[in-house]
Amino acid sequence: QNKSLLTEIESQNVVMYKQKTENDTLLLHQKKLELAIKDAAKLSLSNFKVAAFREKKSGKELETEKARNAQKLKVSFSVNGNSIAKTGKKVFYIQVLDQKNTVLGENKLIEFENDKALVYSFIVAVDFQGKPVNVYGVLNSDGNEFKKGTYFVNFFDKQEIMGSASVTLE
């Protein structure tokens, strides 16, 4: 009886070992799939643009390349469609840098949970519903003249830079 029980225990151990190996393999596949879904659910941005404008007394805006005429910088970008991304309000941070790498605009600091921080010029929010959407934002000069030179604009989704654009004013 003992030999018979030992044989049965050994065969059960083999079955349990095979099952444990299969479970470990399935857990590894599950983790890989979870990472793939997380990556696929990220939003992607495109069509980054920035342009300087001046406003006429009539309220009409004209694009300009002259620093002395520029009253505002308008930025735009597209949020690409993504059917598996979480829907709802999305906030994007826009950072406008002048020639001395000074952040223009609100110049506010936001800290993220992973001990990272970002100084931004302004934020734009959009109600994302899984479909492509164009987003616009404006940085007004607020009485401070734009100086000649190149202005760099960085577009962030939380602390991750999604793209950049620049405009040169004469």
C-alpha atoms as a PDB file:
ATOM      1  CA  GLN A   1       0.000   0.000   0.000  1.00  0.00           C
ATOM      2  CA  ASN A   2       2.851   2.406   0.840  1.00  0.00           C
ATOM      3  CA  LYS A   3       4.489   1.792  -2.556  1.00  0.00           C
ATOM      4  CA  SER A   4       1.166   2.371  -4.224  1.00  0.00           C
ATOM      5  CA  LEU A   5       0.617   5.606  -2.243  1.00  0.00           C
ATOM      6  CA  LEU A   6       4.170   6.813  -2.975  1.00  0.00           C
ATOM      7  CA  THR A   7       3.634   6.200  -6.665  1.00  0.00           C
ATOM      8  CA  GLU A   8       0.336   8.073  -6.534  1.00  0.00           C
ATOM      9  CA  ILE A   9       1.949  10.984  -4.643  1.00  0.00           C
ATOM     10  CA  GLU A  10       4.771  11.171  -7.184  1.00  0.00           C
ATOM     11  CA  SER A  11       2.337  11.190 -10.096  1.00  0.00           C
ATOM     12  CA  GLN A  12       0.279  13.900  -8.341  1.00  0.00           C
ATOM     13  CA  ASN A  13       3.464  15.913  -7.785  1.00  0.00           C
ATOM     14  CA  VAL A  14       4.256  15.670 -11.496  1.00  0.00           C
ATOM     15  CA  VAL A  15       0.717  16.838 -12.353  1.00  0.00           C
ATOM     16  CA  MET A  16       0.972  19.725  -9.850  1.00  0.00           C
ATOM     17  CA  TYR A  17       4.396  20.739 -11.214  1.00  0.00           C
ATOM     18  CA  LYS A  18       3.022  20.793 -14.765  1.00  0.00           C
ATOM     19  CA  GLN A  19       0.019  22.841 -13.580  1.00  0.00           C
ATOM     20  CA  LYS A  20       2.283  25.298 -11.732  1.00  0.00           C
ATOM     21  CA  THR A  21       4.438  25.710 -14.831  1.00  0.00           C
ATOM     22  CA  GLU A  22       1.335  26.336 -16.936  1.00  0.00           C
ATOM     23  CA  ASN A  23       0.016  28.863 -14.380  1.00  0.00           C
ATOM     24  CA  ASP A  24       3.344  30.706 -14.341  1.00  0.00           C
ATOM     25  CA  THR A  25       3.314  30.836 -18.142  1.00  0.00           C
ATOM     26  CA  LEU A  26      -0.250  32.173 -18.135  1.00  0.00           C
ATOM     27  CA  LEU A  27       0.651  34.838 -15.554  1.00  0.00           C
ATOM     28  CA  LEU A  28       3.589  35.943 -17.696  1.00  0.00           C
ATOM     29  CA  HIS A  29       1.330  36.173 -20.763  1.00  0.00           C
ATOM     30  CA  GLN A  30      -1.246  38.113 -18.741  1.00  0.00           C
ATOM     31  CA  LYS A  31       1.366  40.654 -17.628  1.00  0.00           C
ATOM     32  CA  LYS A  32       2.582  41.079 -21.209  1.00  0.00           C
ATOM     33  CA  LEU A  33      -1.005  41.614 -22.397  1.00  0.00           C
ATOM     34  CA  GLU A  34      -1.684  44.139 -19.621  1.00  0.00           C
ATOM     35  CA  LEU A  35       1.404  46.118 -20.666  1.00  0.00           C
ATOM     36  CA  ALA A  36       0.352  45.951 -24.317  1.00  0.00           C
ATOM     37  CA  ILE A  37      -3.125  47.237 -23.457  1.00  0.00           C
ATOM     38  CA  LYS A  38      -1.665  50.003 -21.289  1.00  0.00           C
ATOM     39  CA  ASP A  39       0.616  51.083 -24.154  1.00  0.00           C
ATOM     40  CA  ALA A  40      -2.207  50.880 -26.684  1.00  0.00           C
ATOM     41  CA  ALA A  41      -4.480  52.988 -24.457  1.00  0.00           C
ATOM     42  CA  LYS A  42      -2.042  55.928 -24.424  1.00  0.00           C
ATOM     43  CA  LEU A  43      -3.061  58.978 -26.368  1.00  0.00           C
ATOM     44  CA  SER A  44      -0.917  60.185 -29.216  1.00  0.00           C
ATOM     45  CA  LEU A  45      -0.695  63.759 -30.430  1.00  0.00           C
ATOM     46  CA  SER A  46       0.234  65.128 -33.838  1.00  0.00           C
ATOM     47  CA  ASN A  47       0.128  68.230 -36.072  1.00  0.00           C
ATOM     48  CA  PHE A  48       1.955  70.505 -33.622  1.00  0.00           C
ATOM     49  CA  LYS A  49       1.779  74.130 -34.765  1.00  0.00           C
ATOM     50  CA  VAL A  50       2.511  77.566 -33.335  1.00  0.00           C
ATOM     51  CA  ALA A  51       1.955  80.965 -34.939  1.00  0.00           C
ATOM     52  CA  ALA A  52       2.097  84.606 -33.842  1.00  0.00           C
ATOM     53  CA  PHE A  53      -0.921  86.863 -34.315  1.00  0.00           C
ATOM     54  CA  ARG A  54      -1.825  90.492 -33.971  1.00  0.00           C
ATOM     55  CA  GLU A  55      -5.333  91.726 -33.400  1.00  0.00           C
ATOM     56  CA  LYS A  56      -6.800  94.579 -35.389  1.00  0.00           C
ATOM     57  CA  LYS A  57      -9.159  97.091 -33.793  1.00  0.00           C
ATOM     58  CA  SER A  58     -12.015  95.305 -35.557  1.00  0.00           C
ATOM     59  CA  GLY A  59     -11.150  92.156 -33.602  1.00  0.00           C
ATOM     60  CA  LYS A  60      -9.866  90.326 -36.651  1.00  0.00           C
ATOM     61  CA  GLU A  61      -6.631  88.442 -36.102  1.00  0.00           C
ATOM     62  CA  LEU A  62      -3.802  88.468 -38.609  1.00  0.00           C
ATOM     63  CA  GLU A  63      -0.811  86.159 -38.570  1.00  0.00           C
ATOM     64  CA  THR A  64       2.491  88.008 -38.270  1.00  0.00           C
ATOM     65  CA  GLU A  65       6.194  87.226 -38.280  1.00  0.00           C
ATOM     66  CA  LYS A  66       7.211  90.546 -36.733  1.00  0.00           C
ATOM     67  CA  ALA A  67       7.961  90.534 -33.017  1.00  0.00           C
ATOM     68  CA  ARG A  68       6.823  94.127 -32.499  1.00  0.00           C
ATOM     69  CA  ASN A  69       3.362  93.327 -33.953  1.00  0.00           C
ATOM     70  CA  ALA A  70       2.833  89.995 -32.202  1.00  0.00           C
ATOM     71  CA  GLN A  71       0.257  90.113 -29.422  1.00  0.00           C
ATOM     72  CA  LYS A  72      -0.308  86.398 -28.933  1.00  0.00           C
ATOM     73  CA  LEU A  73       1.024  82.985 -29.799  1.00  0.00           C
ATOM     74  CA  LYS A  74      -1.567  80.453 -30.849  1.00  0.00           C
ATOM     75  CA  VAL A  75      -0.735  76.779 -30.531  1.00  0.00           C
ATOM     76  CA  SER A  76      -2.638  73.857 -31.951  1.00  0.00           C
ATOM     77  CA  PHE A  77      -2.326  70.104 -32.095  1.00  0.00           C
ATOM     78  CA  SER A  78      -4.442  67.049 -32.758  1.00  0.00           C
ATOM     79  CA  VAL A  79      -5.314  64.301 -30.325  1.00  0.00           C
ATOM     80  CA  ASN A  80      -5.460  61.155 -32.424  1.00  0.00           C
ATOM     81  CA  GLY A  81      -8.425  58.837 -32.042  1.00  0.00           C
ATOM     82  CA  ASN A  82      -8.063  55.832 -29.768  1.00  0.00           C
ATOM     83  CA  SER A  83     -11.045  53.597 -29.062  1.00  0.00           C
ATOM     84  CA  ILE A  84      -9.474  51.903 -26.028  1.00  0.00           C
ATOM     85  CA  ALA A  85      -8.152  55.028 -24.317  1.00  0.00           C
ATOM     86  CA  LYS A  86     -10.015  56.279 -21.291  1.00  0.00           C
ATOM     87  CA  THR A  87     -12.577  58.924 -22.262  1.00  0.00           C
ATOM     88  CA  GLY A  88     -13.360  62.159 -20.455  1.00  0.00           C
ATOM     89  CA  LYS A  89     -11.556  65.393 -19.665  1.00  0.00           C
ATOM     90  CA  LYS A  90      -7.898  65.380 -20.696  1.00  0.00           C
ATOM     91  CA  VAL A  91      -5.514  68.134 -19.633  1.00  0.00           C
ATOM     92  CA  PHE A  92      -2.432  68.972 -21.664  1.00  0.00           C
ATOM     93  CA  TYR A  93       0.357  71.271 -20.499  1.00  0.00           C
ATOM     94  CA  ILE A  94       1.892  73.758 -22.916  1.00  0.00           C
ATOM     95  CA  GLN A  95       5.357  75.125 -22.226  1.00  0.00           C
ATOM     96  CA  VAL A  96       6.499  78.182 -24.221  1.00  0.00           C
ATOM     97  CA  LEU A  97      10.202  79.000 -23.983  1.00  0.00           C
ATOM     98  CA  ASP A  98      11.872  82.170 -25.196  1.00  0.00           C
ATOM     99  CA  GLN A  99      15.451  82.513 -26.466  1.00  0.00           C
ATOM    100  CA  LYS A 100      16.833  82.433 -22.897  1.00  0.00           C
ATOM    101  CA  ASN A 101      14.877  79.256 -22.026  1.00  0.00           C
ATOM    102  CA  THR A 102      12.555  81.283 -19.793  1.00  0.00           C
ATOM    103  CA  VAL A 103       9.078  79.836 -19.454  1.00  0.00           C
ATOM    104  CA  LEU A 104       6.538  82.444 -20.549  1.00  0.00           C
ATOM    105  CA  GLY A 105       2.917  82.737 -19.450  1.00  0.00           C
ATOM    106  CA  GLU A 106       1.644  81.452 -16.105  1.00  0.00           C
ATOM    107  CA  ASN A 107       5.061  79.955 -15.289  1.00  0.00           C
ATOM    108  CA  LYS A 108       3.449  77.523 -12.835  1.00  0.00           C
ATOM    109  CA  LEU A 109       4.954  74.367 -11.408  1.00  0.00           C
ATOM    110  CA  ILE A 110       3.042  71.105 -11.204  1.00  0.00           C
ATOM    111  CA  GLU A 111       4.377  68.050  -9.421  1.00  0.00           C
ATOM    112  CA  PHE A 112       3.482  64.504 -10.382  1.00  0.00           C
ATOM    113  CA  GLU A 113       3.291  61.440  -8.142  1.00  0.00           C
ATOM    114  CA  ASN A 114       6.639  60.010  -9.319  1.00  0.00           C
ATOM    115  CA  ASP A 115       8.607  62.998  -7.924  1.00  0.00           C
ATOM    116  CA  LYS A 116       8.753  64.655 -11.333  1.00  0.00           C
ATOM    117  CA  ALA A 117       7.724  68.243 -11.943  1.00  0.00           C
ATOM    118  CA  LEU A 118       6.939  70.485 -14.897  1.00  0.00           C
ATOM    119  CA  VAL A 119       6.897  74.262 -15.298  1.00  0.00           C
ATOM    120  CA  TYR A 120       4.239  75.182 -17.836  1.00  0.00           C
ATOM    121  CA  SER A 121       2.937  78.298 -19.588  1.00  0.00           C
ATOM    122  CA  PHE A 122      -0.734  77.343 -19.741  1.00  0.00           C
ATOM    123  CA  ILE A 123      -3.016  74.339 -19.906  1.00  0.00           C
ATOM    124  CA  VAL A 124      -5.595  73.251 -22.439  1.00  0.00           C
ATOM    125  CA  ALA A 125      -8.355  70.800 -21.671  1.00  0.00           C
ATOM    126  CA  VAL A 126     -10.438  68.719 -24.028  1.00  0.00           C
ATOM    127  CA  ASP A 127     -13.342  66.313 -23.593  1.00  0.00           C
ATOM    128  CA  PHE A 128     -11.871  63.227 -25.258  1.00  0.00           C
ATOM    129  CA  GLN A 129     -14.438  60.710 -26.508  1.00  0.00           C
ATOM    130  CA  GLY A 130     -12.166  58.323 -28.409  1.00  0.00           C
ATOM    131  CA  LYS A 131     -12.382  60.218 -31.702  1.00  0.00           C
ATOM    132  CA  PRO A 132      -9.751  62.549 -33.195  1.00  0.00           C
ATOM    133  CA  VAL A 133     -10.013  66.124 -31.938  1.00  0.00           C
ATOM    134  CA  ASN A 134      -8.139  69.357 -32.676  1.00  0.00           C
ATOM    135  CA  VAL A 135      -6.999  71.389 -29.669  1.00  0.00           C
ATOM    136  CA  TYR A 136      -6.075  75.074 -29.540  1.00  0.00           C
ATOM    137  CA  GLY A 137      -4.526  77.344 -26.929  1.00  0.00           C
ATOM    138  CA  VAL A 138      -3.362  80.948 -26.731  1.00  0.00           C
ATOM    139  CA  LEU A 139      -0.526  82.684 -24.929  1.00  0.00           C
ATOM    140  CA  ASN A 140      -1.217  86.424 -24.765  1.00  0.00           C
ATOM    141  CA  SER A 141       1.655  88.880 -24.490  1.00  0.00           C
ATOM    142  CA  ASP A 142      -0.165  90.624 -21.606  1.00  0.00           C
ATOM    143  CA  GLY A 143       1.656  93.883 -22.293  1.00  0.00           C
ATOM    144  CA  ASN A 144       5.084  92.221 -22.404  1.00  0.00           C
ATOM    145  CA  GLU A 145       6.361  92.503 -25.936  1.00  0.00           C
ATOM    146  CA  PHE A 146       7.553  89.433 -27.738  1.00  0.00           C
ATOM    147  CA  LYS A 147      11.206  89.910 -28.594  1.00  0.00           C
ATOM    148  CA  LYS A 148      12.896  88.955 -31.834  1.00  0.00           C
ATOM    149  CA  GLY A 149      14.030  85.357 -31.942  1.00  0.00           C
ATOM    150  CA  THR A 150      12.752  81.812 -31.896  1.00  0.00           C
ATOM    151  CA  TYR A 151      10.129  80.615 -29.437  1.00  0.00           C
ATOM    152  CA  PHE A 152       9.923  76.918 -28.671  1.00  0.00           C
ATOM    153  CA  VAL A 153       6.674  75.255 -27.642  1.00  0.00           C
ATOM    154  CA  ASN A 154       6.588  71.863 -25.923  1.00  0.00           C
ATOM    155  CA  PHE A 155       3.386  69.854 -25.600  1.00  0.00           C
ATOM    156  CA  PHE A 156       3.008  67.587 -22.543  1.00  0.00           C
ATOM    157  CA  ASP A 157       0.562  64.910 -21.457  1.00  0.00           C
ATOM    158  CA  LYS A 158       1.313  64.931 -17.723  1.00  0.00           C
ATOM    159  CA  GLN A 159       5.124  64.858 -17.526  1.00  0.00           C
ATOM    160  CA  GLU A 160       5.594  63.101 -20.867  1.00  0.00           C
ATOM    161  CA  ILE A 161       6.592  65.335 -23.784  1.00  0.00           C
ATOM    162  CA  MET A 162       4.411  64.520 -26.763  1.00  0.00           C
ATOM    163  CA  GLY A 163       5.848  66.932 -29.320  1.00  0.00           C
ATOM    164  CA  SER A 164       7.224  70.373 -29.990  1.00  0.00           C
ATOM    165  CA  ALA A 165       7.048  73.242 -32.457  1.00  0.00           C
ATOM    166  CA  SER A 166       8.678  76.634 -32.864  1.00  0.00           C
ATOM    167  CA  VAL A 167       8.071  80.044 -34.380  1.00  0.00           C
ATOM    168  CA  THR A 168      10.660  82.684 -35.292  1.00  0.00           C
ATOM    169  CA  LEU A 169       9.769  86.363 -34.972  1.00  0.00           C
ATOM    170  CA  GLU A 170      11.766  89.012 -36.796  1.00  0.00           C
END
